Amino acid sequence: MADVHSKAIRSKNMRAIATRDTAIEKRLSALLAECGFSFRVQDAALPGKPDFIVDEYRCVIFTHGCFWHHHDCYLFKVPATRTDFWLSKIGSNVKRDKRDIGLLLEQGWRVLVVWECALRGRKKMSDLALCERLEEWVCSGGRSAEINVTGIHQRHDGGQQTLAAESLIFPLRRT
C-alpha cells in the first residue's frame, strides 16, 4: 500500500517529531525531581546523548519510545505502509542503542532504559511505582536495567538490548 502523503509532506511530518522534551521525558523528569535526584539532560558528549544523567550515582537514563526502539509490547506495531523502510529504520535504531549502551558501560556508566509503555498508555505504571523503581535502581549500584509495564528488570546481556528485538524485526522483512 502506498503512503497517503507525498514525499514532501511525509518529510515535513517526520521533521516535526520532537527529539527532546517529549511527554515521556517530561514525566520522567518530574519523577526524578520528585525522588530528589539532581540530574542533567541530553549530554551530547556521551554516547547516545542520554536523556538524563545522574552524576552523583554515575548513571544515565534513556527514555525509549516503544515504536522507535522496538519494544515487544502493545505499543509496537509494524506499519502497514513502507514496511521495509520502517523495519530497516527501526533495526538501525536498535543497533545504535546496543552500540551506545555498550560504550557507556565501557566508560563506567550505569545504564537504565525506561520504556514508553511504563510512562504512558493504558498499562502505564503509577507515579509511586515508578519512583520506587527509579530509587531502587539508581541507589542499588546495578550495572544495567530496564523498566517496562511489569517493573524493573536487570539486563543479563552485558547491558545491551537483547537480540530478541533484532530477531523480531528482521524476520518480518519482505523479500
C-alpha atoms as a PDB file:
ATOM      1  CA  MET A   1       0.000   0.000   0.000  1.00  0.00           C
ATOM      2  CA  ALA A   2       1.348   3.402  -0.962  1.00  0.00           C
ATOM      3  CA  ASP A   3       1.852   6.179   1.545  1.00  0.00           C
ATOM      4  CA  VAL A   4      -1.166   8.517   1.711  1.00  0.00           C
ATOM      5  CA  HIS A   5       1.132  11.573   1.845  1.00  0.00           C
ATOM      6  CA  SER A   6       3.559  12.895  -0.728  1.00  0.00           C
ATOM      7  CA  LYS A   7       7.256  12.538  -0.010  1.00  0.00           C
ATOM      8  CA  ALA A   8       7.490  16.275   0.847  1.00  0.00           C
ATOM      9  CA  ILE A   9       4.548  16.139   3.281  1.00  0.00           C
ATOM     10  CA  ARG A  10       5.835  12.950   4.927  1.00  0.00           C
ATOM     11  CA  SER A  11       9.278  14.551   5.310  1.00  0.00           C
ATOM     12  CA  LYS A  12       7.724  17.645   6.899  1.00  0.00           C
ATOM     13  CA  ASN A  13       5.711  15.469   9.303  1.00  0.00           C
ATOM     14  CA  MET A  14       8.799  13.479  10.317  1.00  0.00           C
ATOM     15  CA  ARG A  15      10.827  16.650  10.970  1.00  0.00           C
ATOM     16  CA  ALA A  16       8.081  17.830  13.336  1.00  0.00           C
ATOM     17  CA  ILE A  17       8.565  14.845  15.669  1.00  0.00           C
ATOM     18  CA  ALA A  18      10.214  16.141  18.827  1.00  0.00           C
ATOM     19  CA  THR A  19      13.564  14.716  19.898  1.00  0.00           C
ATOM     20  CA  ARG A  20      13.689  16.393  23.300  1.00  0.00           C
ATOM     21  CA  ASP A  21      11.187  17.456  25.929  1.00  0.00           C
ATOM     22  CA  THR A  22       8.738  14.812  24.802  1.00  0.00           C
ATOM     23  CA  ALA A  23       5.781  13.937  27.038  1.00  0.00           C
ATOM     24  CA  ILE A  24       7.525  10.825  28.364  1.00  0.00           C
ATOM     25  CA  GLU A  25      10.743  12.777  29.058  1.00  0.00           C
ATOM     26  CA  LYS A  26       8.764  15.438  30.919  1.00  0.00           C
ATOM     27  CA  ARG A  27       7.052  12.798  33.051  1.00  0.00           C
ATOM     28  CA  LEU A  28      10.342  11.083  33.877  1.00  0.00           C
ATOM     29  CA  SER A  29      11.990  14.434  34.625  1.00  0.00           C
ATOM     30  CA  ALA A  30       9.233  15.258  37.113  1.00  0.00           C
ATOM     31  CA  LEU A  31       9.560  11.825  38.729  1.00  0.00           C
ATOM     32  CA  LEU A  32      13.347  12.102  39.073  1.00  0.00           C
ATOM     33  CA  ALA A  33      12.932  15.517  40.699  1.00  0.00           C
ATOM     34  CA  GLU A  34      10.206  14.135  42.981  1.00  0.00           C
ATOM     35  CA  CYS A  35      12.602  11.368  44.043  1.00  0.00           C
ATOM     36  CA  GLY A  36      15.162  14.044  44.936  1.00  0.00           C
ATOM     37  CA  PHE A  37      17.751  13.294  42.250  1.00  0.00           C
ATOM     38  CA  SER A  38      19.855  16.057  40.709  1.00  0.00           C
ATOM     39  CA  PHE A  39      20.341  15.440  37.012  1.00  0.00           C
ATOM     40  CA  ARG A  40      21.494  16.877  33.721  1.00  0.00           C
ATOM     41  CA  VAL A  41      19.724  16.362  30.409  1.00  0.00           C
ATOM     42  CA  GLN A  42      20.926  15.190  26.998  1.00  0.00           C
ATOM     43  CA  ASP A  43      24.694  15.479  27.236  1.00  0.00           C
ATOM     44  CA  ALA A  44      25.875  15.288  23.620  1.00  0.00           C
ATOM     45  CA  ALA A  45      29.390  14.375  24.809  1.00  0.00           C
ATOM     46  CA  LEU A  46      28.132  10.954  25.950  1.00  0.00           C
ATOM     47  CA  PRO A  47      27.390   8.107  23.516  1.00  0.00           C
ATOM     48  CA  GLY A  48      23.725   8.119  22.527  1.00  0.00           C
ATOM     49  CA  LYS A  49      23.104  11.506  24.183  1.00  0.00           C
ATOM     50  CA  PRO A  50      21.293  10.029  27.219  1.00  0.00           C
ATOM     51  CA  ASP A  51      18.066  11.768  28.208  1.00  0.00           C
ATOM     52  CA  PHE A  52      19.102  12.068  31.879  1.00  0.00           C
ATOM     53  CA  ILE A  53      22.474  11.925  33.619  1.00  0.00           C
ATOM     54  CA  VAL A  54      22.659  11.458  37.397  1.00  0.00           C
ATOM     55  CA  ASP A  55      26.331  12.234  38.054  1.00  0.00           C
ATOM     56  CA  GLU A  56      26.187  11.527  41.798  1.00  0.00           C
ATOM     57  CA  TYR A  57      25.419   7.861  41.048  1.00  0.00           C
ATOM     58  CA  ARG A  58      27.331   7.692  37.739  1.00  0.00           C
ATOM     59  CA  CYS A  59      24.237   6.596  35.857  1.00  0.00           C
ATOM     60  CA  VAL A  60      22.411   7.568  32.699  1.00  0.00           C
ATOM     61  CA  ILE A  61      18.765   7.062  31.830  1.00  0.00           C
ATOM     62  CA  PHE A  62      17.224   6.712  28.390  1.00  0.00           C
ATOM     63  CA  THR A  63      13.511   7.083  27.678  1.00  0.00           C
ATOM     64  CA  HIS A  64      12.880   4.831  24.708  1.00  0.00           C
ATOM     65  CA  GLY A  65       9.767   5.090  22.583  1.00  0.00           C
ATOM     66  CA  CYS A  66       8.379   1.596  22.111  1.00  0.00           C
ATOM     67  CA  PHE A  67       7.878   2.103  18.366  1.00  0.00           C
ATOM     68  CA  TRP A  68      11.174   3.834  17.562  1.00  0.00           C
ATOM     69  CA  HIS A  69      13.323   1.411  19.587  1.00  0.00           C
ATOM     70  CA  HIS A  70      11.224  -1.739  19.004  1.00  0.00           C
ATOM     71  CA  HIS A  71       9.963  -2.794  22.378  1.00  0.00           C
ATOM     72  CA  ASP A  72       7.975  -6.012  22.243  1.00  0.00           C
ATOM     73  CA  CYS A  73       4.837  -4.572  23.864  1.00  0.00           C
ATOM     74  CA  TYR A  74       1.330  -3.494  22.972  1.00  0.00           C
ATOM     75  CA  LEU A  75       2.546  -0.057  21.771  1.00  0.00           C
ATOM     76  CA  PHE A  76       4.710  -1.527  18.986  1.00  0.00           C
ATOM     77  CA  LYS A  77       3.032  -2.221  15.660  1.00  0.00           C
ATOM     78  CA  VAL A  78       4.738  -2.707  12.314  1.00  0.00           C
ATOM     79  CA  PRO A  79       3.424  -0.021   9.940  1.00  0.00           C
ATOM     80  CA  ALA A  80       1.257  -1.250   7.078  1.00  0.00           C
ATOM     81  CA  THR A  81       2.851   1.138   4.564  1.00  0.00           C
ATOM     82  CA  ARG A  82       6.517   1.273   3.576  1.00  0.00           C
ATOM     83  CA  THR A  83       7.121  -1.719   5.827  1.00  0.00           C
ATOM     84  CA  ASP A  84      10.646  -2.414   4.575  1.00  0.00           C
ATOM     85  CA  PHE A  85      11.688   1.204   5.137  1.00  0.00           C
ATOM     86  CA  TRP A  86      10.344   1.243   8.706  1.00  0.00           C
ATOM     87  CA  LEU A  87      11.812  -2.118   9.646  1.00  0.00           C
ATOM     88  CA  SER A  88      15.199  -1.004   8.353  1.00  0.00           C
ATOM     89  CA  LYS A  89      14.988   2.312  10.218  1.00  0.00           C
ATOM     90  CA  ILE A  90      13.886   0.723  13.491  1.00  0.00           C
ATOM     91  CA  GLY A  91      16.510  -2.010  13.104  1.00  0.00           C
ATOM     92  CA  SER A  92      19.181   0.688  12.735  1.00  0.00           C
ATOM     93  CA  ASN A  93      17.911   2.355  15.920  1.00  0.00           C
ATOM     94  CA  VAL A  94      18.180  -0.942  17.828  1.00  0.00           C
ATOM     95  CA  LYS A  95      21.760  -1.477  16.603  1.00  0.00           C
ATOM     96  CA  ARG A  96      22.720   2.090  17.540  1.00  0.00           C
ATOM     97  CA  ASP A  97      21.163   1.613  21.001  1.00  0.00           C
ATOM     98  CA  LYS A  98      23.242  -1.531  21.549  1.00  0.00           C
ATOM     99  CA  ARG A  99      26.418   0.242  20.452  1.00  0.00           C
ATOM    100  CA  ASP A 100      25.797   3.331  22.605  1.00  0.00           C
ATOM    101  CA  ILE A 101      24.855   1.351  25.718  1.00  0.00           C
ATOM    102  CA  GLY A 102      27.955  -0.797  25.289  1.00  0.00           C
ATOM    103  CA  LEU A 103      30.167   2.300  25.010  1.00  0.00           C
ATOM    104  CA  LEU A 104      28.595   3.869  28.100  1.00  0.00           C
ATOM    105  CA  LEU A 105      29.175   0.688  30.112  1.00  0.00           C
ATOM    106  CA  GLU A 106      32.799   0.568  28.924  1.00  0.00           C
ATOM    107  CA  GLN A 107      33.209   4.155  30.182  1.00  0.00           C
ATOM    108  CA  GLY A 108      31.968   3.104  33.621  1.00  0.00           C
ATOM    109  CA  TRP A 109      28.437   4.476  33.382  1.00  0.00           C
ATOM    110  CA  ARG A 110      25.439   2.549  34.666  1.00  0.00           C
ATOM    111  CA  VAL A 111      22.552   2.479  32.175  1.00  0.00           C
ATOM    112  CA  LEU A 112      18.790   2.401  32.694  1.00  0.00           C
ATOM    113  CA  VAL A 113      16.246   2.261  29.870  1.00  0.00           C
ATOM    114  CA  VAL A 114      12.716   3.366  30.734  1.00  0.00           C
ATOM    115  CA  TRP A 115      10.274   2.230  28.078  1.00  0.00           C
ATOM    116  CA  GLU A 116       7.439   4.453  26.876  1.00  0.00           C
ATOM    117  CA  CYS A 117       4.824   1.839  27.864  1.00  0.00           C
ATOM    118  CA  ALA A 118       5.820   2.275  31.530  1.00  0.00           C
ATOM    119  CA  LEU A 119       5.241   6.038  31.273  1.00  0.00           C
ATOM    120  CA  ARG A 120       2.082   6.341  29.189  1.00  0.00           C
ATOM    121  CA  GLY A 121      -0.816   4.338  27.841  1.00  0.00           C
ATOM    122  CA  ARG A 122      -3.409   2.063  29.359  1.00  0.00           C
ATOM    123  CA  LYS A 123      -0.866  -0.104  31.202  1.00  0.00           C
ATOM    124  CA  LYS A 124       1.459   2.657  32.463  1.00  0.00           C
ATOM    125  CA  MET A 125       2.934   2.428  35.940  1.00  0.00           C
ATOM    126  CA  SER A 126       1.760   4.746  38.699  1.00  0.00           C
ATOM    127  CA  ASP A 127       3.996   7.620  39.782  1.00  0.00           C
ATOM    128  CA  LEU A 128       4.604   5.877  43.113  1.00  0.00           C
ATOM    129  CA  ALA A 129       5.608   2.591  41.452  1.00  0.00           C
ATOM    130  CA  LEU A 130       7.914   4.388  39.011  1.00  0.00           C
ATOM    131  CA  CYS A 131       9.564   6.439  41.773  1.00  0.00           C
ATOM    132  CA  GLU A 132      10.165   3.269  43.776  1.00  0.00           C
ATOM    133  CA  ARG A 133      11.727   1.514  40.764  1.00  0.00           C
ATOM    134  CA  LEU A 134      13.892   4.536  39.926  1.00  0.00           C
ATOM    135  CA  GLU A 135      15.165   4.848  43.504  1.00  0.00           C
ATOM    136  CA  GLU A 136      15.699   1.087  43.700  1.00  0.00           C
ATOM    137  CA  TRP A 137      17.910   1.055  40.627  1.00  0.00           C
ATOM    138  CA  VAL A 138      19.728   4.386  40.925  1.00  0.00           C
ATOM    139  CA  CYS A 139      20.707   3.707  44.549  1.00  0.00           C
ATOM    140  CA  SER A 140      21.347  -0.045  44.154  1.00  0.00           C
ATOM    141  CA  GLY A 141      24.510   0.060  42.127  1.00  0.00           C
ATOM    142  CA  GLY A 142      23.111  -2.284  39.465  1.00  0.00           C
ATOM    143  CA  ARG A 143      25.007  -2.027  36.192  1.00  0.00           C
ATOM    144  CA  SER A 144      22.201  -2.067  33.649  1.00  0.00           C
ATOM    145  CA  ALA A 145      18.428  -2.455  33.785  1.00  0.00           C
ATOM    146  CA  GLU A 146      15.187  -1.509  32.114  1.00  0.00           C
ATOM    147  CA  ILE A 147      11.749  -0.509  33.334  1.00  0.00           C
ATOM    148  CA  ASN A 148       8.624  -1.553  31.466  1.00  0.00           C
ATOM    149  CA  VAL A 149       4.978  -2.078  32.454  1.00  0.00           C
ATOM    150  CA  THR A 150       5.870  -5.156  34.516  1.00  0.00           C
ATOM    151  CA  GLY A 151       8.515  -3.382  36.607  1.00  0.00           C
ATOM    152  CA  ILE A 152      12.294  -3.252  36.679  1.00  0.00           C
ATOM    153  CA  HIS A 153      14.474  -5.956  35.161  1.00  0.00           C
ATOM    154  CA  GLN A 154      18.241  -6.379  35.212  1.00  0.00           C
ATOM    155  CA  ARG A 155      19.734  -6.781  31.766  1.00  0.00           C
ATOM    156  CA  HIS A 156      21.712 -10.028  31.527  1.00  0.00           C
ATOM    157  CA  ASP A 157      23.375  -9.452  28.198  1.00  0.00           C
ATOM    158  CA  GLY A 158      26.214  -7.154  29.159  1.00  0.00           C
ATOM    159  CA  GLY A 159      23.791  -4.271  29.378  1.00  0.00           C
ATOM    160  CA  GLN A 160      22.890  -4.277  25.733  1.00  0.00           C
ATOM    161  CA  GLN A 161      19.390  -4.784  24.425  1.00  0.00           C
ATOM    162  CA  THR A 162      18.615  -8.399  23.894  1.00  0.00           C
ATOM    163  CA  LEU A 163      18.833  -9.821  20.433  1.00  0.00           C
ATOM    164  CA  ALA A 164      15.102 -10.539  20.681  1.00  0.00           C
ATOM    165  CA  ALA A 165      14.426  -7.090  19.271  1.00  0.00           C
ATOM    166  CA  GLU A 166      16.524  -7.811  16.191  1.00  0.00           C
ATOM    167  CA  SER A 167      15.158 -11.328  15.756  1.00  0.00           C
ATOM    168  CA  LEU A 168      11.621  -9.971  15.839  1.00  0.00           C
ATOM    169  CA  ILE A 169      12.304  -7.191  13.364  1.00  0.00           C
ATOM    170  CA  PHE A 170      14.318  -8.775  10.632  1.00  0.00           C
ATOM    171  CA  PRO A 171      12.197 -11.901  10.000  1.00  0.00           C
ATOM    172  CA  LEU A 172       9.329  -9.526   9.186  1.00  0.00           C
ATOM    173  CA  ARG A 173      11.170  -8.137   6.164  1.00  0.00           C
ATOM    174  CA  ARG A 174       9.558  -8.850   2.848  1.00  0.00           C
ATOM    175  CA  THR A 175      11.635 -10.237   0.028  1.00  0.00           C
END
